[in-house]
């Protein structure tokens, strides 16, 4: 049973780690993430207190398919309503990560309840099944609410209450579809179907996160240069922050791994500062504006201090390695393919060909 408990708890947490890792701007706070996880456990207890007494009245299938999803999604998302009103919340990617964390906390608690009702021989099967199906579904459904109420473009054009209702509708419909299919007697085929539904939600959430990161990158350079006092070259590197592992290789080769980490931290602080400034311009909440102003002041001081640790000479060198490519993912793809295939002697690498093509395409604009 120990292995079953570990699988039912550790595997969902690994999915949460993957979703959080996608946010390379690292704007979500560890404290808020733990709060979201803890609330997921509380939301499970509240949902169980409402759903369980209804089972003898309406029957388990009716409660599971028609009542439970609405009750659970409403309880789970209450923490998100609180988190998106705080100054340490930045943009809707944070809403996705916090929502996924709430769902995972809920799922782990629910998994423990299911394991307490089975024997040792079947516990491992239950743990594996739930870890790769319902746990992913719970995380994905609450992440959808976090995305919508957290500032997804649709939410900016409507009243916050309407955005919350839209988020609930999406999450409840997704949850109900999963539960309805889970109650159909399809055997092994049914297990594959519900796992497919669960991972579809995870893919959708991940795709929205990546789209949101790309959208923020396009806004960061203007904010940094006009309001944060960051050079255009430095802002160019920050726009390619998802590719820093490759871009900062020359810094490590010349100044060492420690200096590379300091530079990466300085660039990350610059990105976070720009996003906070954009958030402050986009809110009309006076109290939130005051909280954000205080955080921006602290962020500027931290950025200045970090640049001082890096040093003027190293920062000047960093500004000289701005990538020429308009989208660094092409360069990364070229490097990956080039490293995976043996190069023909004397032939230019795929990275060089992609870089040359991009440079030629951008030449008329310059």
Protein backbone atom coordinates (compact mmCIF):
# COMPACT_ATOMS: atom_id res chain seq x y z
CA UNK A 1 0.00 0.00 0.00
CA UNK A 2 2.97 2.32 0.52
CA UNK A 3 3.78 2.18 -3.19
CA UNK A 4 0.16 2.92 -4.05
CA UNK A 5 0.15 6.00 -1.80
CA UNK A 6 3.40 7.23 -3.32
CA UNK A 7 2.14 6.81 -6.89
CA UNK A 8 -1.21 8.45 -6.13
CA UNK A 9 0.50 11.49 -4.62
CA UNK A 10 3.89 11.88 -6.31
CA UNK A 11 2.77 11.39 -9.93
CA UNK A 12 0.15 14.20 -9.77
CA UNK A 13 2.76 16.47 -8.18
CA UNK A 14 5.10 15.70 -11.08
CA UNK A 15 2.43 16.90 -13.52
CA UNK A 16 2.19 20.11 -11.46
CA UNK A 17 5.97 20.49 -11.69
CA UNK A 18 5.78 20.19 -15.49
CA UNK A 19 3.04 22.83 -15.75
CA UNK A 20 4.96 25.19 -13.48
CA UNK A 21 8.18 24.57 -15.44
CA UNK A 22 6.45 25.83 -18.60
CA UNK A 23 6.26 29.31 -17.05
CA UNK A 24 9.90 30.24 -17.65
CA UNK A 25 9.24 33.79 -16.37
CA UNK A 26 8.81 32.20 -12.90
CA UNK A 27 6.16 34.71 -11.86
CA UNK A 28 4.20 32.36 -9.61
CA UNK A 29 5.25 32.44 -5.96
CA UNK A 30 6.06 29.29 -3.97
CA UNK A 31 3.96 30.50 -1.03
CA UNK A 32 0.88 31.02 -3.22
CA UNK A 33 1.49 27.67 -4.90
CA UNK A 34 1.52 25.87 -1.53
CA UNK A 35 -1.59 27.80 -0.52
CA UNK A 36 -3.32 26.61 -3.70
CA UNK A 37 -2.29 23.00 -3.03
CA UNK A 38 -3.57 23.21 0.54
CA UNK A 39 -6.86 24.73 -0.58
CA UNK A 40 -7.33 21.80 -2.97
CA UNK A 41 -7.40 19.48 0.06
CA UNK A 42 -9.88 21.77 1.85
CA UNK A 43 -12.04 21.97 -1.29
CA UNK A 44 -12.16 18.17 -1.40
CA UNK A 45 -13.37 18.01 2.21
CA UNK A 46 -16.06 20.63 1.52
CA UNK A 47 -17.17 18.90 -1.68
CA UNK A 48 -17.36 15.53 0.04
CA UNK A 49 -19.49 17.03 2.81
CA UNK A 50 -21.97 18.25 0.18
CA UNK A 51 -21.90 15.34 -2.28
CA UNK A 52 -21.81 12.33 0.04
CA UNK A 53 -25.21 12.90 1.73
CA UNK A 54 -26.82 13.22 -1.71
CA UNK A 55 -25.72 9.77 -2.91
CA UNK A 56 -28.49 7.81 -1.07
CA UNK A 57 -31.07 10.28 -2.40
CA UNK A 58 -30.14 10.62 -6.09
CA UNK A 59 -27.78 7.69 -6.61
CA UNK A 60 -24.03 7.70 -7.18
CA UNK A 61 -24.08 8.10 -11.01
CA UNK A 62 -26.37 11.14 -10.83
CA UNK A 63 -24.31 12.80 -8.12
CA UNK A 64 -21.02 11.99 -9.87
CA UNK A 65 -22.07 13.17 -13.33
CA UNK A 66 -24.62 15.96 -12.75
CA UNK A 67 -24.06 17.38 -9.25
CA UNK A 68 -20.50 16.64 -8.15
CA UNK A 69 -18.66 18.43 -10.99
CA UNK A 70 -20.43 21.74 -10.30
CA UNK A 71 -19.94 21.50 -6.53
CA UNK A 72 -16.28 20.54 -6.83
CA UNK A 73 -15.32 23.14 -9.44
CA UNK A 74 -16.99 25.95 -7.50
CA UNK A 75 -15.24 25.03 -4.26
CA UNK A 76 -11.88 24.54 -5.99
CA UNK A 77 -11.96 27.89 -7.78
CA UNK A 78 -12.74 30.01 -4.70
CA UNK A 79 -9.02 30.21 -3.93
CA UNK A 80 -8.33 31.46 -7.45
CA UNK A 81 -10.77 34.35 -6.97
CA UNK A 82 -8.63 35.35 -3.98
CA UNK A 83 -5.23 34.83 -5.66
CA UNK A 84 -5.97 36.87 -8.79
CA UNK A 85 -6.71 39.92 -6.61
CA UNK A 86 -3.26 39.89 -5.03
CA UNK A 87 -0.22 41.92 -6.09
CA UNK A 88 1.95 38.79 -6.39
CA UNK A 89 -0.33 37.63 -9.23
CA UNK A 90 0.99 38.69 -12.65
CA UNK A 91 -1.00 37.32 -15.59
CA UNK A 92 -3.25 34.48 -16.69
CA UNK A 93 -0.39 31.95 -16.87
CA UNK A 94 -0.18 32.31 -13.09
CA UNK A 95 -3.91 31.58 -13.00
CA UNK A 96 -3.32 28.38 -14.96
CA UNK A 97 -0.50 27.24 -12.65
CA UNK A 98 -2.37 28.09 -9.44
CA UNK A 99 -5.53 26.46 -10.79
CA UNK A 100 -3.63 23.31 -11.68
CA UNK A 101 -2.13 23.30 -8.17
CA UNK A 102 -5.58 23.51 -6.57
CA UNK A 103 -6.78 20.64 -8.75
CA UNK A 104 -3.77 18.50 -7.87
CA UNK A 105 -4.27 19.10 -4.15
CA UNK A 106 -7.91 18.08 -4.57
CA UNK A 107 -6.94 14.98 -6.59
CA UNK A 108 -4.33 13.78 -4.11
CA UNK A 109 -6.84 14.01 -1.26
CA UNK A 110 -9.45 12.18 -3.34
CA UNK A 111 -6.91 9.50 -4.28
CA UNK A 112 -6.19 8.85 -0.61
CA UNK A 113 -9.92 8.36 0.03
CA UNK A 114 -10.20 5.83 -2.79
CA UNK A 115 -7.12 3.94 -1.58
CA UNK A 116 -8.60 3.71 1.91
CA UNK A 117 -11.53 1.74 0.46
CA UNK A 118 -9.58 -0.94 -1.43
CA UNK A 119 -7.31 -3.77 -0.39
CA UNK A 120 -3.59 -3.99 -0.96
CA UNK A 121 -3.86 -6.15 -4.09
CA UNK A 122 -6.02 -3.67 -6.01
CA UNK A 123 -4.55 -0.50 -4.46
CA UNK A 124 -1.70 -0.29 -6.98
CA UNK A 125 -4.09 -0.48 -9.95
CA UNK A 126 -6.34 2.19 -8.46
CA UNK A 127 -3.36 4.45 -7.73
CA UNK A 128 -1.92 4.21 -11.25
CA UNK A 129 -5.30 4.65 -12.91
CA UNK A 130 -6.24 7.71 -10.89
CA UNK A 131 -2.76 9.27 -11.05
CA UNK A 132 -2.86 9.35 -14.86
CA UNK A 133 -6.55 10.12 -15.35
CA UNK A 134 -8.64 11.86 -12.70
CA UNK A 135 -5.65 13.69 -11.17
CA UNK A 136 -4.78 15.25 -14.53
CA UNK A 137 -8.45 16.06 -15.14
CA UNK A 138 -8.84 17.85 -11.80
CA UNK A 139 -5.75 19.91 -12.45
CA UNK A 140 -6.80 20.80 -15.98
CA UNK A 141 -10.39 21.73 -15.10
CA UNK A 142 -9.42 24.21 -12.38
CA UNK A 143 -6.63 25.58 -14.56
CA UNK A 144 -9.29 26.50 -17.13
CA UNK A 145 -11.04 28.64 -14.50
CA UNK A 146 -7.71 30.25 -13.55
CA UNK A 147 -6.96 31.06 -17.19
CA UNK A 148 -10.31 32.75 -17.80
CA UNK A 149 -10.60 34.78 -14.60
CA UNK A 150 -6.88 35.47 -14.52
CA UNK A 151 -6.81 37.77 -17.52
CA UNK A 152 -7.24 35.71 -20.67
CA UNK A 153 -8.11 38.22 -23.43
CA UNK A 154 -11.82 37.38 -23.17
CA UNK A 155 -11.86 38.22 -19.45
CA UNK A 156 -10.55 41.74 -20.07
CA UNK A 157 -13.66 42.64 -22.06
CA UNK A 158 -16.29 41.40 -19.60
CA UNK A 159 -17.24 41.88 -15.98
CA UNK A 160 -15.18 39.73 -13.54
CA UNK A 161 -18.33 37.90 -12.42
CA UNK A 162 -19.17 37.00 -16.03
CA UNK A 163 -15.60 35.79 -16.54
CA UNK A 164 -15.96 33.59 -13.45
CA UNK A 165 -19.23 32.15 -14.77
CA UNK A 166 -17.57 31.40 -18.13
CA UNK A 167 -14.67 29.70 -16.35
CA UNK A 168 -17.06 27.63 -14.27
CA UNK A 169 -19.05 26.62 -17.35
CA UNK A 170 -15.92 25.39 -19.15
CA UNK A 171 -14.57 23.52 -16.13
CA UNK A 172 -17.90 21.93 -15.21
CA UNK A 173 -18.59 20.82 -18.80
CA UNK A 174 -15.12 19.26 -19.04
CA UNK A 175 -15.50 17.58 -15.63
CA UNK A 176 -19.00 16.27 -16.43
CA UNK A 177 -17.83 14.83 -19.74
CA UNK A 178 -14.98 13.00 -18.00
CA UNK A 179 -17.23 11.59 -15.24
CA UNK A 180 -19.92 10.56 -17.71
CA UNK A 181 -17.41 8.57 -19.77
CA UNK A 182 -15.87 7.11 -16.61
CA UNK A 183 -19.24 5.59 -15.65
CA UNK A 184 -19.71 3.86 -19.00
CA UNK A 185 -18.86 0.18 -18.98
CA UNK A 186 -16.29 0.09 -21.77
CA UNK A 187 -13.62 -1.95 -20.04
CA UNK A 188 -10.02 -1.28 -21.03
CA UNK A 189 -11.17 0.90 -23.91
CA UNK A 190 -12.99 3.14 -21.43
CA UNK A 191 -9.78 3.63 -19.44
CA UNK A 192 -7.96 4.79 -22.56
CA UNK A 193 -10.82 7.16 -23.39
CA UNK A 194 -10.88 8.88 -19.99
CA UNK A 195 -7.08 9.14 -19.96
CA UNK A 196 -7.32 10.73 -23.40
CA UNK A 197 -9.92 13.22 -22.13
CA UNK A 198 -7.75 14.05 -19.12
CA UNK A 199 -4.60 14.61 -21.16
CA UNK A 200 -6.53 16.64 -23.73
CA UNK A 201 -7.24 19.12 -20.96
CA UNK A 202 -3.56 19.12 -19.99
CA UNK A 203 -2.54 19.77 -23.60
CA UNK A 204 -5.03 22.64 -23.89
CA UNK A 205 -3.77 24.24 -20.67
CA UNK A 206 -0.13 23.83 -21.77
CA UNK A 207 -0.87 25.32 -25.19
CA UNK A 208 -2.58 28.35 -23.62
CA UNK A 209 0.39 28.81 -21.28
CA UNK A 210 2.86 28.75 -24.16
CA UNK A 211 0.69 31.17 -26.16
CA UNK A 212 0.50 33.47 -23.16
CA UNK A 213 4.26 33.42 -22.72
CA UNK A 214 4.78 34.30 -26.37
CA UNK A 215 2.24 37.13 -26.06
CA UNK A 216 3.97 38.55 -22.99
CA UNK A 217 7.37 38.39 -24.70
CA UNK A 218 6.05 40.64 -27.44
CA UNK A 219 5.07 43.30 -24.88
CA UNK A 220 8.08 43.11 -22.61
CA UNK A 221 10.62 44.92 -24.76
CA UNK A 222 8.54 48.10 -25.02
CA UNK A 223 7.83 48.12 -21.30
CA UNK A 224 11.46 47.56 -20.34
CA UNK A 225 12.94 50.20 -22.60
CA UNK A 226 10.35 52.92 -21.93
CA UNK A 227 9.65 52.40 -18.22
CA UNK A 228 12.32 50.28 -16.57
CA UNK A 229 15.47 51.87 -17.94
CA UNK A 230 16.73 48.62 -19.46
CA UNK A 231 18.83 48.83 -22.61
CA UNK A 232 17.37 47.63 -25.91
CA UNK A 233 20.00 44.92 -26.14
CA UNK A 234 19.16 43.61 -22.69
CA UNK A 235 15.47 43.73 -23.52
CA UNK A 236 16.20 41.72 -26.66
CA UNK A 237 17.74 38.97 -24.57
CA UNK A 238 14.79 38.99 -22.19
CA UNK A 239 12.42 38.50 -25.12
CA UNK A 240 14.31 35.27 -25.81
CA UNK A 241 14.42 34.26 -22.15
CA UNK A 242 13.10 30.79 -22.94
CA UNK A 243 16.34 30.19 -24.85
CA UNK A 244 18.76 31.43 -22.17
CA UNK A 245 20.33 28.00 -21.75
CA UNK A 246 21.80 28.44 -25.22
CA UNK A 247 22.24 32.21 -25.30
CA UNK A 248 24.28 32.42 -22.09
CA UNK A 249 26.78 29.72 -23.07
CA UNK A 250 29.35 32.40 -24.12
CA UNK A 251 29.00 34.07 -20.71
CA UNK A 252 29.76 30.81 -18.91
CA UNK A 253 32.69 30.06 -21.23
CA UNK A 254 34.22 33.47 -20.58
CA UNK A 255 33.28 34.27 -16.96
CA UNK A 256 32.26 30.98 -15.34
CA UNK A 257 29.06 29.24 -14.25
CA UNK A 258 28.53 31.47 -11.21
CA UNK A 259 28.51 34.65 -13.30
CA UNK A 260 26.17 32.99 -15.79
CA UNK A 261 23.65 32.32 -13.00
CA UNK A 262 23.90 35.95 -11.86
CA UNK A 263 23.23 37.19 -15.40
CA UNK A 264 20.26 34.85 -15.84
CA UNK A 265 18.80 36.05 -12.55
CA UNK A 266 19.21 39.69 -13.58
CA UNK A 267 17.41 39.09 -16.88
CA UNK A 268 14.63 37.23 -15.10
CA UNK A 269 14.19 40.10 -12.64
CA UNK A 270 13.94 42.49 -15.59
CA UNK A 271 11.21 40.41 -17.21
CA UNK A 272 9.24 40.19 -13.98
CA UNK A 273 9.54 43.95 -13.47
CA UNK A 274 8.19 44.64 -16.95
CA UNK A 275 5.24 42.33 -16.39
CA UNK A 276 4.39 43.99 -13.08
CA UNK A 277 4.43 47.40 -14.75
CA UNK A 278 2.12 46.13 -17.51
CA UNK A 279 -0.19 44.67 -14.87
CA UNK A 280 -0.33 47.98 -13.01
CA UNK A 281 -1.31 49.84 -16.20
CA UNK A 282 -4.08 47.32 -16.85
CA UNK A 283 -5.86 47.44 -13.49
CA UNK A 284 -8.30 50.04 -12.16
CA UNK A 285 -8.30 48.68 -8.61
CA UNK A 286 -6.75 51.43 -6.45
CA UNK A 287 -5.78 49.08 -3.65
CA UNK A 288 -4.13 46.68 -6.06
CA UNK A 289 -2.33 49.59 -7.73
CA UNK A 290 -0.83 50.60 -4.38
CA UNK A 291 0.32 47.04 -3.72
CA UNK A 292 1.82 46.78 -7.20
CA UNK A 293 3.59 50.13 -6.84
CA UNK A 294 5.30 48.85 -3.71
CA UNK A 295 6.30 45.61 -5.46
CA UNK A 296 7.63 47.52 -8.48
CA UNK A 297 9.81 49.68 -6.22
CA UNK A 298 11.22 46.56 -4.59
CA UNK A 299 11.73 44.90 -7.99
CA UNK A 300 13.65 47.90 -9.34
CA UNK A 301 15.93 47.88 -6.30
CA UNK A 302 16.50 44.14 -6.66
CA UNK A 303 17.31 44.52 -10.35
CA UNK A 304 19.78 47.33 -9.66
CA UNK A 305 21.43 45.29 -6.91
CA UNK A 306 21.67 42.21 -9.12
CA UNK A 307 23.24 44.19 -11.97
CA UNK A 308 25.79 45.50 -9.49
CA UNK A 309 26.69 41.93 -8.56
CA UNK A 310 27.09 41.01 -12.22
CA UNK A 311 29.34 44.00 -12.89
CA UNK A 312 29.45 46.65 -15.59
CA UNK A 313 31.94 44.80 -17.80
CA UNK A 314 29.98 41.53 -17.82
CA UNK A 315 26.66 43.32 -18.44
CA UNK A 316 28.25 45.15 -21.38
CA UNK A 317 29.36 41.82 -22.77
CA UNK A 318 25.89 40.33 -22.23
CA UNK A 319 24.33 43.17 -24.26
CA UNK A 320 26.59 42.26 -27.16
CA UNK A 321 25.21 38.72 -27.55
CA UNK A 322 21.63 39.64 -28.47
CA UNK A 323 20.29 36.95 -30.85
CA UNK A 324 19.70 38.00 -34.45
CA UNK A 325 16.89 35.53 -35.07
CA UNK A 326 13.37 36.93 -34.83
CA UNK A 327 12.17 33.79 -33.05
CA UNK A 328 14.75 31.87 -31.08
CA UNK A 329 12.81 28.60 -31.17
CA UNK A 330 13.92 28.11 -34.78
CA UNK A 331 17.52 28.39 -33.71
CA UNK A 332 16.96 25.91 -30.89
CA UNK A 333 15.28 23.48 -33.30
CA UNK A 334 18.14 23.83 -35.74
CA UNK A 335 20.71 23.14 -33.03
CA UNK A 336 18.81 20.09 -31.82
CA UNK A 337 18.54 18.59 -35.30
CA UNK A 338 22.14 19.42 -36.13
CA UNK A 339 23.39 17.74 -32.97
CA UNK A 340 21.23 14.67 -33.64
CA UNK A 341 22.51 14.11 -37.20
CA UNK A 342 26.12 13.78 -38.38
CA UNK A 343 27.20 16.87 -40.27
CA UNK A 344 28.53 16.64 -43.80
CA UNK A 345 32.14 17.90 -43.99
CA UNK A 346 32.25 21.39 -45.43
CA UNK A 347 28.44 21.86 -45.42
CA UNK A 348 26.90 24.65 -43.34
CA UNK A 349 24.94 23.52 -40.27
CA UNK A 350 21.16 23.67 -40.17
CA UNK A 351 21.42 26.34 -37.47
CA UNK A 352 23.56 28.46 -39.80
CA UNK A 353 21.11 28.00 -42.68
CA UNK A 354 18.10 28.96 -40.54
CA UNK A 355 19.95 31.96 -39.12
CA UNK A 356 20.98 33.09 -42.61
CA UNK A 357 17.42 32.72 -43.91
CA UNK A 358 16.01 34.77 -41.06
CA UNK A 359 18.66 37.44 -41.52
CA UNK A 360 17.88 37.66 -45.23
CA UNK A 361 14.15 37.88 -44.54
CA UNK A 362 14.64 40.69 -42.04
CA UNK A 363 17.12 42.65 -44.19
CA UNK A 364 14.50 44.64 -46.21
CA UNK A 365 12.81 45.80 -42.97
CA UNK A 366 16.11 47.09 -41.63
